[in-house]
């Protein structure tokens, strides 16, 4: 199953870092947060990624093109008159990565629509390229398979200005909107699963996925909510970036699942 990652926005709320690179390429512990997200999916056995790039998309492409340079020891040997490169102790991931330039000013729905041909007529996962979690991806997928609806979004209790979800007792999404002072604190944290029919709900580049497509799915009772009660943290601001960095340096980052056994 393919994992689609939205990684094309401008990241204006963390402009101290995003002025020079896309927000998903901002580093936590010396590696882009995008890499951390991919490592989590890979831990659960999902290794085929489609990255919806946009702003400074070349940075993402160049980073993966030089992956060995970022993760391995290298010898550059010029003694023979050639530019020979010897890679020592290769650190390689079992990943297949498709990076798509989905446009500079394309909205989230438009970015998803643009990668439809890479997903095909298959179920796929979808998340944002700026948040880490210890969510159990296999449990999320099993939840989605059991209810038989078009989409599943992950919910988390977090007091912040994010998209707010109202869910019925059986998990059926009843409402989805921007947070107001009168709302509760269940928010959309990404880590979604969708059937390919979802592409039919997206009109074009200017479609914001979290607005008309999601709300239409809600009205049709085709969207379910999976509640995550573990760790989740986005990286919208420099303060949040520093908080994640501190957790990583402590040696006990909650999202670092890949050093444990599944």
Protein backbone atom coordinates (compact mmCIF):
# COMPACT_ATOMS: atom_id res chain seq x y z
CA UNK A 1 0.00 0.00 0.00
CA UNK A 2 1.28 3.46 -0.92
CA UNK A 3 1.78 6.26 1.60
CA UNK A 4 1.08 9.78 0.33
CA UNK A 5 2.77 12.61 2.23
CA UNK A 6 1.75 16.26 1.80
CA UNK A 7 5.01 18.21 1.69
CA UNK A 8 4.42 21.18 -0.59
CA UNK A 9 3.31 24.09 1.62
CA UNK A 10 5.22 27.26 2.40
CA UNK A 11 5.52 26.65 6.16
CA UNK A 12 5.08 30.34 6.93
CA UNK A 13 4.59 29.84 10.67
CA UNK A 14 8.11 28.50 10.99
CA UNK A 15 9.68 30.95 8.54
CA UNK A 16 12.91 31.03 10.57
CA UNK A 17 13.63 27.61 9.04
CA UNK A 18 11.32 27.34 6.01
CA UNK A 19 12.89 30.38 4.33
CA UNK A 20 15.70 28.06 3.24
CA UNK A 21 13.97 24.68 2.77
CA UNK A 22 10.51 23.07 2.79
CA UNK A 23 9.12 22.50 6.27
CA UNK A 24 9.26 18.68 5.92
CA UNK A 25 13.02 19.02 5.40
CA UNK A 26 13.58 20.84 8.70
CA UNK A 27 15.77 18.58 10.78
CA UNK A 28 15.14 16.81 14.07
CA UNK A 29 18.30 15.15 15.34
CA UNK A 30 20.11 15.88 12.09
CA UNK A 31 17.49 14.22 9.85
CA UNK A 32 14.45 15.82 8.16
CA UNK A 33 11.14 15.36 9.93
CA UNK A 34 9.98 13.82 6.64
CA UNK A 35 12.52 11.03 7.20
CA UNK A 36 11.19 10.46 10.74
CA UNK A 37 7.64 10.10 9.38
CA UNK A 38 8.77 7.67 6.69
CA UNK A 39 10.70 5.61 9.24
CA UNK A 40 7.52 5.16 11.27
CA UNK A 41 5.53 3.88 8.29
CA UNK A 42 8.46 1.67 7.30
CA UNK A 43 8.51 0.18 10.80
CA UNK A 44 5.00 -1.14 10.12
CA UNK A 45 5.99 -2.48 6.71
CA UNK A 46 4.86 0.34 4.42
CA UNK A 47 7.77 1.30 2.20
CA UNK A 48 6.32 2.87 -0.94
CA UNK A 49 5.96 6.63 -0.68
CA UNK A 50 4.52 9.38 -2.86
CA UNK A 51 5.66 12.81 -1.72
CA UNK A 52 3.51 15.76 -2.80
CA UNK A 53 6.18 18.44 -3.16
CA UNK A 54 5.82 22.10 -4.09
CA UNK A 55 7.69 24.89 -2.35
CA UNK A 56 11.44 24.34 -2.90
CA UNK A 57 10.65 20.85 -4.16
CA UNK A 58 14.17 20.47 -5.55
CA UNK A 59 15.52 20.32 -1.97
CA UNK A 60 13.56 17.13 -1.30
CA UNK A 61 14.64 15.54 -4.59
CA UNK A 62 18.30 16.42 -4.09
CA UNK A 63 18.33 15.12 -0.51
CA UNK A 64 17.08 11.68 -1.52
CA UNK A 65 19.31 11.64 -4.60
CA UNK A 66 22.28 12.01 -2.23
CA UNK A 67 20.90 9.69 0.45
CA UNK A 68 24.14 7.72 0.79
CA UNK A 69 26.05 10.97 1.32
CA UNK A 70 23.74 11.85 4.20
CA UNK A 71 23.79 8.47 5.91
CA UNK A 72 27.07 6.66 5.12
CA UNK A 73 30.84 7.11 5.36
CA UNK A 74 32.34 8.03 1.98
CA UNK A 75 35.82 7.84 0.46
CA UNK A 76 36.50 10.11 -2.53
CA UNK A 77 39.48 8.67 -4.45
CA UNK A 78 41.12 10.96 -6.99
CA UNK A 79 44.45 9.08 -7.18
CA UNK A 80 43.62 7.30 -10.45
CA UNK A 81 42.65 10.53 -12.11
CA UNK A 82 38.97 9.68 -11.77
CA UNK A 83 36.36 10.81 -9.31
CA UNK A 84 35.81 7.45 -7.63
CA UNK A 85 33.44 7.29 -4.69
CA UNK A 86 33.52 4.39 -2.26
CA UNK A 87 30.55 4.02 0.11
CA UNK A 88 31.30 2.34 3.44
CA UNK A 89 28.71 0.67 5.67
CA UNK A 90 25.77 1.57 3.48
CA UNK A 91 22.71 2.70 5.41
CA UNK A 92 19.93 1.85 3.02
CA UNK A 93 16.16 1.83 3.50
CA UNK A 94 13.77 -0.55 1.69
CA UNK A 95 11.97 2.45 0.21
CA UNK A 96 10.52 3.30 -3.17
CA UNK A 97 9.98 7.06 -3.29
CA UNK A 98 8.12 9.05 -5.93
CA UNK A 99 8.52 12.81 -5.51
CA UNK A 100 5.96 14.81 -7.47
CA UNK A 101 6.07 18.55 -8.07
CA UNK A 102 2.40 19.30 -7.34
CA UNK A 103 2.75 23.05 -7.87
CA UNK A 104 3.78 26.05 -5.84
CA UNK A 105 0.35 27.43 -4.93
CA UNK A 106 -1.74 24.25 -5.14
CA UNK A 107 -4.05 23.57 -2.20
CA UNK A 108 -3.98 20.29 -0.26
CA UNK A 109 -6.81 18.70 -2.25
CA UNK A 110 -5.21 19.72 -5.51
CA UNK A 111 -1.93 18.13 -4.48
CA UNK A 112 -3.72 14.86 -3.72
CA UNK A 113 -5.58 14.99 -7.05
CA UNK A 114 -2.30 15.49 -8.93
CA UNK A 115 -0.83 12.23 -7.65
CA UNK A 116 -3.88 10.13 -8.49
CA UNK A 117 -2.12 8.45 -11.43
CA UNK A 118 0.63 7.25 -9.08
CA UNK A 119 -1.85 5.76 -6.60
CA UNK A 120 -4.09 4.16 -9.18
CA UNK A 121 -7.26 2.32 -8.20
CA UNK A 122 -5.96 1.29 -4.79
CA UNK A 123 -6.49 2.07 -1.13
CA UNK A 124 -3.80 4.45 0.15
CA UNK A 125 -2.56 6.17 3.28
CA UNK A 126 -2.25 9.94 3.59
CA UNK A 127 -0.56 12.19 6.12
CA UNK A 128 1.07 15.57 6.59
CA UNK A 129 4.83 16.06 6.35
CA UNK A 130 5.22 18.02 9.56
CA UNK A 131 4.16 15.81 12.49
CA UNK A 132 5.42 12.71 14.27
CA UNK A 133 3.54 10.18 16.35
CA UNK A 134 3.67 6.70 17.82
CA UNK A 135 0.29 5.84 16.32
CA UNK A 136 -0.16 2.14 15.54
CA UNK A 137 -0.49 2.14 11.75
CA UNK A 138 -1.58 -1.51 11.59
CA UNK A 139 -4.41 -0.92 14.07
CA UNK A 140 -5.46 2.17 12.12
CA UNK A 141 -5.56 0.17 8.88
CA UNK A 142 -7.52 -2.66 10.47
CA UNK A 143 -10.04 -0.13 11.84
CA UNK A 144 -10.46 1.29 8.33
CA UNK A 145 -10.94 -2.12 6.72
CA UNK A 146 -13.62 -3.12 9.22
CA UNK A 147 -15.92 -0.11 8.83
CA UNK A 148 -15.99 -0.18 5.01
CA UNK A 149 -16.29 3.59 4.51
CA UNK A 150 -14.32 5.71 2.04
CA UNK A 151 -12.08 7.38 4.58
CA UNK A 152 -10.56 7.27 8.05
CA UNK A 153 -8.84 10.16 9.78
CA UNK A 154 -6.95 9.95 13.05
CA UNK A 155 -8.16 12.00 16.00
CA UNK A 156 -6.24 13.26 18.99
CA UNK A 157 -7.15 15.28 22.07
CA UNK A 158 -4.96 18.38 21.80
CA UNK A 159 -5.69 22.01 22.67
CA UNK A 160 -4.51 23.81 19.57
CA UNK A 161 -5.92 25.66 16.58
CA UNK A 162 -6.44 22.72 14.22
CA UNK A 163 -9.34 21.22 12.32
CA UNK A 164 -11.92 20.02 14.85
CA UNK A 165 -13.83 16.75 14.64
CA UNK A 166 -17.14 15.74 16.21
CA UNK A 167 -17.60 11.98 16.26
CA UNK A 168 -20.51 9.76 17.22
CA UNK A 169 -20.20 6.93 19.69
CA UNK A 170 -19.58 4.40 16.91
CA UNK A 171 -16.79 6.48 15.36
CA UNK A 172 -18.84 8.02 12.52
CA UNK A 173 -17.67 11.58 11.84
CA UNK A 174 -20.53 14.04 12.44
CA UNK A 175 -18.76 17.34 11.75
CA UNK A 176 -15.39 18.69 10.65
CA UNK A 177 -14.50 22.39 10.82
CA UNK A 178 -11.89 24.88 11.93
CA UNK A 179 -11.56 25.22 15.70
CA UNK A 180 -13.50 27.94 17.50
CA UNK A 181 -13.72 28.99 21.15
CA UNK A 182 -16.81 26.80 21.51
CA UNK A 183 -15.30 23.58 20.20
CA UNK A 184 -13.89 20.60 22.03
CA UNK A 185 -10.33 19.46 21.55
CA UNK A 186 -10.48 16.44 19.25
CA UNK A 187 -8.37 17.38 16.25
CA UNK A 188 -7.38 15.90 12.92
CA UNK A 189 -3.74 14.76 13.12
CA UNK A 190 -3.41 13.25 9.66
CA UNK A 191 -2.45 9.56 9.51
CA UNK A 192 -5.42 8.89 7.25
CA UNK A 193 -6.57 5.99 5.08
CA UNK A 194 -8.70 6.42 1.96
CA UNK A 195 -10.27 4.35 -0.74
CA UNK A 196 -9.57 5.56 -4.31
CA UNK A 197 -13.14 6.93 -4.60
CA UNK A 198 -11.93 9.94 -2.60
CA UNK A 199 -10.35 11.38 -5.74
CA UNK A 200 -13.84 11.99 -7.13
CA UNK A 201 -14.48 14.46 -4.30
CA UNK A 202 -11.62 16.75 -5.35
CA UNK A 203 -12.32 19.27 -8.12
CA UNK A 204 -8.91 20.74 -8.86
CA UNK A 205 -5.83 22.66 -7.72
CA UNK A 206 -7.71 25.17 -5.58
CA UNK A 207 -9.60 22.55 -3.58
CA UNK A 208 -8.70 22.53 0.10
CA UNK A 209 -9.00 18.88 1.08
CA UNK A 210 -9.98 19.69 4.66
CA UNK A 211 -12.98 21.73 3.49
CA UNK A 212 -15.38 20.62 0.73
CA UNK A 213 -14.11 17.04 0.17
CA UNK A 214 -13.95 16.19 3.87
CA UNK A 215 -17.27 17.87 4.66
CA UNK A 216 -18.99 16.07 1.78
CA UNK A 217 -17.71 12.76 3.10
CA UNK A 218 -19.06 13.75 6.52
CA UNK A 219 -22.52 14.54 5.10
CA UNK A 220 -22.56 11.20 3.31
CA UNK A 221 -21.39 9.41 6.49
CA UNK A 222 -18.39 8.08 4.59
CA UNK A 223 -15.74 9.29 7.06
CA UNK A 224 -14.72 7.55 10.26
CA UNK A 225 -12.47 8.65 13.09
CA UNK A 226 -9.75 6.57 14.71
CA UNK A 227 -8.79 7.86 18.16
CA UNK A 228 -5.09 7.92 18.98
CA UNK A 229 -4.24 8.19 22.68
CA UNK A 230 -0.46 8.02 22.54
CA UNK A 231 2.07 10.63 21.43
CA UNK A 232 1.58 13.16 18.63
CA UNK A 233 3.29 16.47 17.94
CA UNK A 234 3.27 18.75 14.94
CA UNK A 235 6.05 21.18 14.04
CA UNK A 236 4.27 24.38 13.09
CA UNK A 237 6.52 26.74 15.03
CA UNK A 238 10.15 27.07 16.05
CA UNK A 239 9.15 26.37 19.64
CA UNK A 240 7.58 23.05 18.61
CA UNK A 241 10.68 22.22 16.57
CA UNK A 242 12.86 22.83 19.60
CA UNK A 243 10.56 20.68 21.75
CA UNK A 244 10.88 17.76 19.34
CA UNK A 245 14.64 18.24 19.16
CA UNK A 246 14.85 18.12 22.94
CA UNK A 247 12.88 14.86 23.04
CA UNK A 248 15.14 13.35 20.38
CA UNK A 249 18.33 14.35 22.15
CA UNK A 250 17.01 12.85 25.40
CA UNK A 251 17.26 9.43 23.77
CA UNK A 252 13.61 8.71 24.49
CA UNK A 253 11.75 10.20 21.53
CA UNK A 254 8.26 8.62 21.72
CA UNK A 255 7.93 8.32 17.94
CA UNK A 256 11.22 6.45 17.47
CA UNK A 257 9.69 3.01 17.13
CA UNK A 258 12.11 1.61 14.58
CA UNK A 259 14.73 0.51 17.13
CA UNK A 260 12.21 -1.76 18.85
CA UNK A 261 10.69 -5.03 17.72
CA UNK A 262 7.22 -5.01 16.22
